[in-house]
Amino acid sequence: MKSLSRFLGMSLVVVAVWLGAQLAYACPFCAAPSLTMAEQVAQSDATVLVIWSSGIKGTDDSAGSTTFEVKQVVRNFKDSVKVGEKITLPRYRAAKAGDLFMLMGTQTEKGKSIEWGSPLEVTETSFNYIAQAPSPELPVAKRLEYYVKFLENPQDLIANDAYGEFANAPYEDITKLGDKLPRDKIRTWVTSTETPATRLGLYGLLVGLCGTDEDAKAVEQRILQKSDDFRLGIDGLISGYLLLTKAKGLEVIDNEKLRNKSVPFSETYAAMQAIRFMWQYGDGRIEQERLRASMRILLERPELSDLVIADLARWKDWSIQDKLMKMYGEGEYNIPSIKRAVVRYMLVSSKDLPKDATAGANSTVPKHVEQGRAYVAKLREMDPKTVAEAERFMLPLDK
């Protein structure tokens, strides 16, 4: 299953862009945990709710010990654990009598006992959330129906884990939730300054899947807020906004984030990521040529030009061949990464023959292919070193 690239950070995966691959990510604007609680439970051989009974503090010669009493069993390897049983760990964990913890363990090599991991402090509510969670083996969309109820739960362990389930989920599965999403709550989370910034990208996407015109206006206000700081999640907010507003909203983004050079670089880059998202996952809400037009605006931003040229090559926008040749090596564009990007663009355009093209003398060669070949020859004469470098690291675009 192909999922999405996590665009949240500022990492620029240039090689992958040139490959044209569908980058393997989960939610595109989320920082996902390595393992959610359900995954950890599924990987354990035994999972139990325990009560802290007693402990012996460590010394210079000993790590101490802690004794727990089993209150409830969730997973049980060969019935090796029973309610009321005492479990003593060879390390001290500070707590008081009656405090609740969850223990997960794996069977030893001989398979006759359980090796317990570190105790996780829980409440009855958080433990029940974990114990009642659907199996990771169920369809992702079905599992998300459970977790959506716990987003922004007052208990951090629950809220963070529910977010993690969404962060790890492929976007195509998240879209299946549409009518099951709590629209009013999501709008509140998107507009609230109390919402953790790390979750805004996800909530922006969710409002884009279930929101209304009124919600779009609220998201627009959040997007257009003036800020000199790097704003986590702004890429997801813009993407959700474009899902709702389509080409009309893209015009707003063009003017406020792409053409406006006074906004921070991070805001422009976030808008670029949102355009990439709409190209790959917008499902035709915005026509491809309209998305290309927005991306072309960023050719005026030298700090992004190499990435923009790569995207336009991947999107087979051959309308800028002449423009790229005019800017090659000129002024702010006279830097190696941009020059290599132009060369690669021309190389790709020179090979973009129709799938049914033949090698015969009567075969028709598209104009952009002829132009690309001519420009590659010219660049090879002008700057053989850069052409050689570009060809050395050139990888074929994924067809």
Protein backbone atom coordinates (compact mmCIF):
# COMPACT_ATOMS: atom_id res chain seq x y z
CA MET A 1 0.00 0.00 0.00
CA LYS A 2 1.35 3.37 -0.97
CA SER A 3 0.93 6.11 1.55
CA LEU A 4 2.02 9.74 1.73
CA SER A 5 5.21 11.61 2.28
CA ARG A 6 5.46 13.41 5.60
CA PHE A 7 6.06 16.96 4.41
CA LEU A 8 5.82 18.52 7.88
CA GLY A 9 9.52 19.22 8.31
CA MET A 10 11.68 21.26 5.99
CA SER A 11 13.46 18.22 4.58
CA LEU A 12 13.86 18.49 0.83
CA VAL A 13 14.00 15.05 -0.73
CA VAL A 14 15.48 16.12 -4.06
CA VAL A 15 16.48 12.68 -5.32
CA ALA A 16 13.00 11.33 -4.67
CA VAL A 17 11.47 14.27 -6.48
CA TRP A 18 13.51 13.47 -9.57
CA LEU A 19 12.52 9.84 -9.28
CA GLY A 20 8.93 11.02 -9.39
CA ALA A 21 8.13 8.32 -6.87
CA GLN A 22 5.05 8.29 -4.69
CA LEU A 23 6.95 8.95 -1.48
CA ALA A 24 6.08 6.45 1.21
CA TYR A 25 4.61 8.36 4.11
CA ALA A 26 1.61 8.24 6.32
CA CYS A 27 -0.38 11.39 7.06
CA PRO A 28 1.55 13.99 5.03
CA PHE A 29 1.63 16.69 7.66
CA CYS A 30 2.09 14.68 10.86
CA ALA A 31 5.01 13.71 13.07
CA ALA A 32 4.18 10.08 13.72
CA PRO A 33 5.43 8.02 16.68
CA SER A 34 7.41 4.90 15.92
CA LEU A 35 4.83 2.62 17.55
CA THR A 36 1.35 3.34 18.85
CA MET A 37 0.06 1.72 22.02
CA ALA A 38 -2.03 -0.80 20.05
CA GLU A 39 1.04 -1.82 18.08
CA GLN A 40 3.07 -2.21 21.24
CA VAL A 41 0.37 -4.37 22.81
CA ALA A 42 0.10 -6.47 19.66
CA GLN A 43 3.85 -7.09 19.69
CA SER A 44 3.84 -8.15 23.34
CA ASP A 45 3.21 -11.65 24.62
CA ALA A 46 1.61 -10.39 27.81
CA THR A 47 -0.03 -7.08 28.76
CA VAL A 48 -1.45 -6.44 32.22
CA LEU A 49 -2.83 -3.68 34.41
CA VAL A 50 -1.01 -3.73 37.75
CA ILE A 51 -1.15 -1.94 41.09
CA TRP A 52 2.02 -0.70 42.75
CA SER A 53 2.47 -2.69 45.96
CA SER A 54 5.92 -1.98 47.33
CA GLY A 55 9.45 -1.12 46.34
CA ILE A 56 13.02 -1.22 47.55
CA LYS A 57 15.15 1.73 46.51
CA GLY A 58 18.39 1.10 44.69
CA THR A 59 21.84 1.41 46.21
CA ASP A 60 25.35 1.61 44.83
CA ASP A 61 25.31 -2.16 44.61
CA SER A 62 21.72 -2.79 43.52
CA ALA A 63 19.05 -1.33 41.21
CA GLY A 64 16.44 -2.10 43.83
CA SER A 65 13.12 -3.77 43.10
CA THR A 66 9.42 -3.02 42.67
CA THR A 67 6.50 -5.33 43.30
CA PHE A 68 3.16 -5.00 41.51
CA GLU A 69 -0.11 -6.87 41.84
CA VAL A 70 -1.94 -7.89 38.66
CA LYS A 71 -5.40 -6.32 38.49
CA GLN A 72 -6.43 -7.08 34.89
CA VAL A 73 -5.00 -9.15 32.03
CA VAL A 74 -5.25 -7.99 28.39
CA ARG A 75 -2.86 -10.39 26.68
CA ASN A 76 -1.70 -13.62 28.24
CA PHE A 77 1.03 -15.93 27.00
CA LYS A 78 0.03 -19.53 27.73
CA ASP A 79 -2.00 -18.34 30.75
CA SER A 80 1.27 -17.41 32.42
CA VAL A 81 -0.23 -14.44 34.32
CA LYS A 82 -3.25 -14.39 36.63
CA VAL A 83 -5.23 -11.67 38.39
CA GLY A 84 -3.96 -11.22 41.96
CA GLU A 85 -0.50 -12.52 41.09
CA LYS A 86 2.54 -10.53 42.26
CA ILE A 87 5.18 -9.43 39.74
CA THR A 88 8.53 -8.18 41.02
CA LEU A 89 10.79 -6.22 38.73
CA PRO A 90 14.55 -6.05 39.48
CA ARG A 91 14.54 -2.24 39.45
CA TYR A 92 12.94 0.43 41.59
CA ARG A 93 10.04 2.52 40.34
CA ALA A 94 8.97 5.32 42.67
CA ALA A 95 5.20 5.40 43.33
CA LYS A 96 2.71 4.95 46.11
CA ALA A 97 0.50 2.04 47.00
CA GLY A 98 -2.49 1.78 44.66
CA ASP A 99 -0.93 3.64 41.72
CA LEU A 100 -1.80 2.03 38.39
CA PHE A 101 0.70 0.91 35.78
CA MET A 102 0.65 -1.14 32.62
CA LEU A 103 3.25 -3.82 32.03
CA MET A 104 4.07 -5.38 28.67
CA GLY A 105 6.37 -8.36 28.36
CA THR A 106 7.79 -10.89 25.95
CA GLN A 107 8.49 -14.55 26.52
CA THR A 108 12.04 -15.55 27.26
CA GLU A 109 14.09 -17.63 24.85
CA LYS A 110 13.08 -20.83 26.62
CA GLY A 111 9.45 -19.74 26.53
CA LYS A 112 8.79 -20.56 30.15
CA SER A 113 8.56 -17.06 31.61
CA ILE A 114 7.87 -13.43 30.74
CA GLU A 115 10.49 -10.69 30.59
CA TRP A 116 8.72 -7.48 31.56
CA GLY A 117 9.49 -4.05 30.15
CA SER A 118 9.39 -0.74 31.97
CA PRO A 119 6.10 0.03 33.74
CA LEU A 120 3.92 2.69 32.10
CA GLU A 121 1.91 4.82 34.50
CA VAL A 122 -1.77 4.87 33.54
CA THR A 123 -5.21 5.75 34.83
CA GLU A 124 -8.19 3.45 34.60
CA THR A 125 -9.44 5.59 31.72
CA SER A 126 -6.21 5.43 29.73
CA PHE A 127 -5.80 1.72 30.39
CA ASN A 128 -9.35 1.03 29.20
CA TYR A 129 -8.64 3.12 26.11
CA ILE A 130 -5.65 0.90 25.35
CA ALA A 131 -7.36 -2.37 26.29
CA GLN A 132 -10.43 -1.66 24.15
CA ALA A 133 -8.54 -0.41 21.12
CA PRO A 134 -9.19 -2.33 17.88
CA SER A 135 -6.55 -4.77 16.67
CA PRO A 136 -3.93 -3.42 14.22
CA GLU A 137 -4.99 -6.26 11.95
CA LEU A 138 -8.38 -4.64 11.26
CA PRO A 139 -8.83 -2.29 8.27
CA VAL A 140 -7.22 1.06 9.01
CA ALA A 141 -10.33 3.15 8.33
CA LYS A 142 -12.36 1.01 10.71
CA ARG A 143 -9.76 1.44 13.44
CA LEU A 144 -9.69 5.20 12.94
CA GLU A 145 -13.40 5.37 13.74
CA TYR A 146 -12.41 4.39 17.28
CA TYR A 147 -9.48 6.78 17.59
CA VAL A 148 -11.19 9.87 16.20
CA LYS A 149 -13.26 10.00 19.41
CA PHE A 150 -10.11 10.48 21.48
CA LEU A 151 -8.35 13.26 19.61
CA GLU A 152 -7.73 16.14 22.06
CA ASN A 153 -8.68 13.94 25.03
CA PRO A 154 -7.81 15.66 28.35
CA GLN A 155 -5.34 12.87 29.14
CA ASP A 156 -2.12 13.35 27.18
CA LEU A 157 -1.38 9.64 26.84
CA ILE A 158 -4.74 9.09 25.13
CA ALA A 159 -4.70 12.21 22.95
CA ASN A 160 -1.12 11.66 21.81
CA ASP A 161 -1.73 8.02 20.98
CA ALA A 162 -4.94 8.74 19.06
CA TYR A 163 -3.08 11.38 17.10
CA GLY A 164 -0.32 8.84 16.45
CA GLU A 165 -2.81 6.42 14.92
CA PHE A 166 -3.90 9.09 12.45
CA ALA A 167 -0.31 10.16 11.83
CA ASN A 168 0.59 6.61 10.84
CA ALA A 169 -2.49 6.09 8.67
CA PRO A 170 -2.35 6.33 4.86
CA TYR A 171 -4.20 9.39 3.62
CA GLU A 172 -6.52 7.32 1.46
CA ASP A 173 -7.80 5.60 4.61
CA ILE A 174 -8.29 8.89 6.44
CA THR A 175 -10.48 10.15 3.59
CA LYS A 176 -12.92 7.29 4.19
CA LEU A 177 -13.93 8.82 7.53
CA GLY A 178 -15.62 11.87 5.95
CA ASP A 179 -19.10 11.73 7.49
CA LYS A 180 -17.79 10.25 10.76
CA LEU A 181 -15.52 13.18 11.57
CA PRO A 182 -16.64 15.56 14.37
CA ARG A 183 -16.72 18.69 12.18
CA ASP A 184 -17.58 21.19 14.92
CA LYS A 185 -14.80 19.91 17.16
CA ILE A 186 -12.25 19.90 14.37
CA ARG A 187 -13.07 23.47 13.45
CA THR A 188 -12.58 24.47 17.08
CA TRP A 189 -9.20 22.72 17.17
CA VAL A 190 -8.10 24.39 13.93
CA THR A 191 -8.96 27.88 15.12
CA SER A 192 -7.88 27.53 18.76
CA THR A 193 -4.49 28.86 19.85
CA GLU A 194 -4.50 26.15 22.55
CA THR A 195 -4.24 23.30 20.04
CA PRO A 196 -0.73 21.80 19.99
CA ALA A 197 1.03 23.07 16.88
CA THR A 198 2.19 19.55 16.04
CA ARG A 199 -1.42 18.50 15.43
CA LEU A 200 -2.56 21.42 13.28
CA GLY A 201 -1.44 19.79 10.05
CA LEU A 202 -3.65 16.77 10.67
CA TYR A 203 -6.62 18.85 11.78
CA GLY A 204 -6.23 21.04 8.70
CA LEU A 205 -6.57 17.96 6.52
CA LEU A 206 -9.54 16.69 8.50
CA VAL A 207 -11.45 19.94 8.19
CA GLY A 208 -10.74 19.79 4.47
CA LEU A 209 -12.49 16.42 4.34
CA CYS A 210 -15.60 17.35 6.29
CA GLY A 211 -15.80 21.14 6.38
CA THR A 212 -18.16 23.74 4.94
CA ASP A 213 -17.71 27.15 3.32
CA GLU A 214 -17.97 28.66 6.79
CA ASP A 215 -15.14 26.42 7.98
CA ALA A 216 -13.05 27.41 4.95
CA LYS A 217 -13.34 31.07 5.93
CA ALA A 218 -12.20 30.26 9.46
CA VAL A 219 -9.20 28.29 8.14
CA GLU A 220 -8.36 31.11 5.74
CA GLN A 221 -8.19 33.57 8.62
CA ARG A 222 -5.75 31.25 10.43
CA ILE A 223 -3.62 30.83 7.31
CA LEU A 224 -3.42 34.56 6.61
CA GLN A 225 -2.41 35.54 10.13
CA LYS A 226 0.81 37.53 10.05
CA SER A 227 3.73 35.70 11.60
CA ASP A 228 7.49 35.97 11.42
CA ASP A 229 7.91 32.61 13.14
CA PHE A 230 7.97 29.14 11.65
CA ARG A 231 4.44 27.75 12.02
CA LEU A 232 4.12 24.02 12.38
CA GLY A 233 1.15 22.56 10.54
CA ILE A 234 0.57 25.49 8.19
CA ASP A 235 1.11 23.15 5.21
CA GLY A 236 -1.73 20.91 6.38
CA LEU A 237 -3.98 23.91 6.99
CA ILE A 238 -3.38 25.18 3.46
CA SER A 239 -4.02 21.72 2.02
CA GLY A 240 -7.30 21.37 3.89
CA TYR A 241 -8.26 24.87 2.76
CA LEU A 242 -7.59 23.94 -0.88
CA LEU A 243 -9.62 20.76 -0.53
CA LEU A 244 -12.58 22.95 0.44
CA THR A 245 -12.06 25.97 -1.81
CA LYS A 246 -10.37 24.46 -4.89
CA ALA A 247 -9.19 26.91 -7.58
CA LYS A 248 -10.79 29.91 -5.87
CA GLY A 249 -8.78 29.28 -2.74
CA LEU A 250 -5.63 28.61 -4.74
CA GLU A 251 -5.82 32.15 -6.10
CA VAL A 252 -5.71 33.40 -2.50
CA ILE A 253 -2.66 31.25 -1.78
CA ASP A 254 -0.99 32.42 -4.99
CA ASN A 255 -1.33 36.05 -3.96
CA GLU A 256 -0.66 35.74 -0.24
CA LYS A 257 2.00 33.01 -0.06
CA LEU A 258 3.61 32.60 -3.48
CA ARG A 259 3.75 36.06 -5.05
CA ASN A 260 4.11 37.91 -1.74
CA LYS A 261 7.86 37.90 -1.11
CA SER A 262 7.45 39.57 2.29
CA VAL A 263 6.09 36.40 3.91
CA PRO A 264 8.61 34.11 5.63
CA PHE A 265 10.24 31.45 3.48
CA SER A 266 8.61 28.75 5.61
CA GLU A 267 5.13 30.00 4.66
CA THR A 268 5.95 29.92 0.95
CA TYR A 269 7.47 26.47 1.27
CA ALA A 270 4.36 25.26 3.12
CA ALA A 271 2.19 26.54 0.27
CA MET A 272 4.42 24.71 -2.19
CA GLN A 273 3.95 21.51 -0.22
CA ALA A 274 0.19 22.01 -0.30
CA ILE A 275 0.27 22.36 -4.08
CA ARG A 276 2.24 19.13 -4.30
CA PHE A 277 -0.35 17.50 -2.06
CA MET A 278 -3.20 18.65 -4.29
CA TRP A 279 -1.41 17.34 -7.36
CA GLN A 280 -1.03 13.90 -5.86
CA TYR A 281 -4.09 13.58 -3.65
CA GLY A 282 -6.51 16.31 -4.66
CA ASP A 283 -8.47 13.88 -6.83
CA GLY A 284 -9.07 16.44 -9.54
CA ARG A 285 -10.48 19.15 -7.29
CA ILE A 286 -8.05 21.54 -8.97
CA GLU A 287 -7.07 20.99 -12.60
CA GLN A 288 -3.49 19.94 -13.17
CA GLU A 289 -2.69 22.87 -15.45
CA ARG A 290 -3.94 25.23 -12.76
CA LEU A 291 -1.59 23.61 -10.24
CA ARG A 292 1.28 23.88 -12.70
CA ALA A 293 0.54 27.59 -13.08
CA SER A 294 0.85 28.11 -9.33
CA MET A 295 4.11 26.18 -9.19
CA ARG A 296 5.52 28.27 -12.04
CA ILE A 297 5.11 31.39 -9.89
CA LEU A 298 7.87 30.04 -7.65
CA LEU A 299 10.41 30.12 -10.47
CA GLU A 300 10.82 33.72 -9.37
CA ARG A 301 12.14 32.48 -6.02
CA PRO A 302 15.76 31.33 -6.55
CA GLU A 303 15.83 29.68 -3.11
CA LEU A 304 13.16 27.25 -4.34
CA SER A 305 13.85 27.11 -8.06
CA ASP A 306 15.69 23.79 -8.14
CA LEU A 307 12.78 22.05 -6.41
CA VAL A 308 10.20 23.81 -8.56
CA ILE A 309 11.99 22.82 -11.76
CA ALA A 310 12.10 19.22 -10.55
CA ASP A 311 8.37 19.21 -9.85
CA LEU A 312 7.51 20.75 -13.19
CA ALA A 313 9.63 18.13 -14.95
CA ARG A 314 7.81 15.40 -13.05
CA TRP A 315 4.50 17.04 -13.95
CA LYS A 316 5.57 17.25 -17.62
CA ASP A 317 5.21 20.99 -17.87
CA TRP A 318 7.32 21.71 -20.94
CA SER A 319 6.04 25.29 -21.34
CA ILE A 320 9.06 26.73 -19.51
CA GLN A 321 11.87 25.38 -21.70
CA ASP A 322 12.71 28.78 -23.16
CA LYS A 323 12.38 30.52 -19.79
CA LEU A 324 14.80 28.11 -18.12
CA MET A 325 17.39 28.57 -20.82
CA LYS A 326 17.20 32.36 -20.45
CA MET A 327 17.73 32.18 -16.69
CA TYR A 328 20.50 29.55 -16.86
CA GLY A 329 23.53 30.91 -15.04
CA GLU A 330 22.07 34.39 -14.73
CA GLY A 331 22.32 36.44 -11.53
CA GLU A 332 20.75 34.74 -8.51
CA TYR A 333 20.17 31.61 -10.59
CA ASN A 334 23.87 31.08 -11.17
CA ILE A 335 24.24 28.39 -8.54
CA PRO A 336 25.07 24.71 -9.12
CA SER A 337 21.83 23.21 -7.79
CA ILE A 338 19.65 25.32 -10.11
CA LYS A 339 21.88 24.72 -13.11
CA ARG A 340 21.80 20.97 -12.52
CA ALA A 341 18.01 21.14 -12.16
CA VAL A 342 17.71 22.89 -15.53
CA VAL A 343 19.94 20.31 -17.20
CA ARG A 344 17.90 17.46 -15.73
CA TYR A 345 14.68 19.13 -16.83
CA MET A 346 15.97 19.34 -20.39
CA LEU A 347 17.20 15.76 -20.32
CA VAL A 348 13.79 14.54 -19.16
CA SER A 349 11.93 16.65 -21.73
CA SER A 350 14.19 15.31 -24.49
CA LYS A 351 13.13 11.75 -23.65
CA ASP A 352 9.41 12.35 -23.15
CA LEU A 353 8.21 10.43 -26.18
CA PRO A 354 4.69 9.01 -26.40
CA LYS A 355 4.50 5.43 -25.17
CA ASP A 356 3.49 4.19 -28.62
CA ALA A 357 6.24 6.11 -30.45
CA THR A 358 8.40 4.12 -32.87
CA ALA A 359 11.97 4.62 -33.92
CA GLY A 360 11.09 4.77 -37.60
CA ALA A 361 12.03 7.64 -39.85
CA ASN A 362 8.39 8.64 -40.24
CA SER A 363 7.64 8.79 -36.53
CA THR A 364 6.52 12.14 -35.18
CA VAL A 365 8.69 13.65 -32.48
CA PRO A 366 6.86 16.08 -30.16
CA LYS A 367 8.05 19.66 -30.32
CA HIS A 368 9.14 19.69 -26.67
CA VAL A 369 11.32 16.64 -27.29
CA GLU A 370 13.05 18.30 -30.23
CA GLN A 371 13.48 21.49 -28.22
CA GLY A 372 14.80 19.53 -25.24
CA ARG A 373 17.35 17.75 -27.38
CA ALA A 374 18.49 21.03 -28.90
CA TYR A 375 18.85 22.66 -25.50
CA VAL A 376 20.74 19.66 -24.07
CA ALA A 377 23.20 19.94 -26.95
CA LYS A 378 23.55 23.68 -26.32
CA LEU A 379 24.08 23.17 -22.58
CA ARG A 380 26.63 20.45 -23.25
CA GLU A 381 28.57 22.95 -25.33
CA MET A 382 28.13 25.82 -22.85
CA ASP A 383 28.70 23.96 -19.61
CA PRO A 384 29.94 20.38 -20.17
CA LYS A 385 30.92 19.95 -16.52
CA THR A 386 27.41 20.62 -15.16
CA VAL A 387 25.81 18.42 -17.81
CA ALA A 388 28.17 15.59 -16.93
CA GLU A 389 27.38 16.00 -13.22
CA ALA A 390 23.63 16.03 -13.88
CA GLU A 391 23.83 12.94 -16.06
CA ARG A 392 25.97 11.10 -13.52
CA PHE A 393 23.32 11.37 -10.83
CA MET A 394 20.30 11.34 -13.11
CA LEU A 395 17.75 8.67 -12.28
CA PRO A 396 14.82 7.87 -14.57
CA LEU A 397 11.45 9.34 -13.73
CA ASP A 398 8.90 6.83 -12.50
CA LYS A 399 6.45 6.28 -15.33
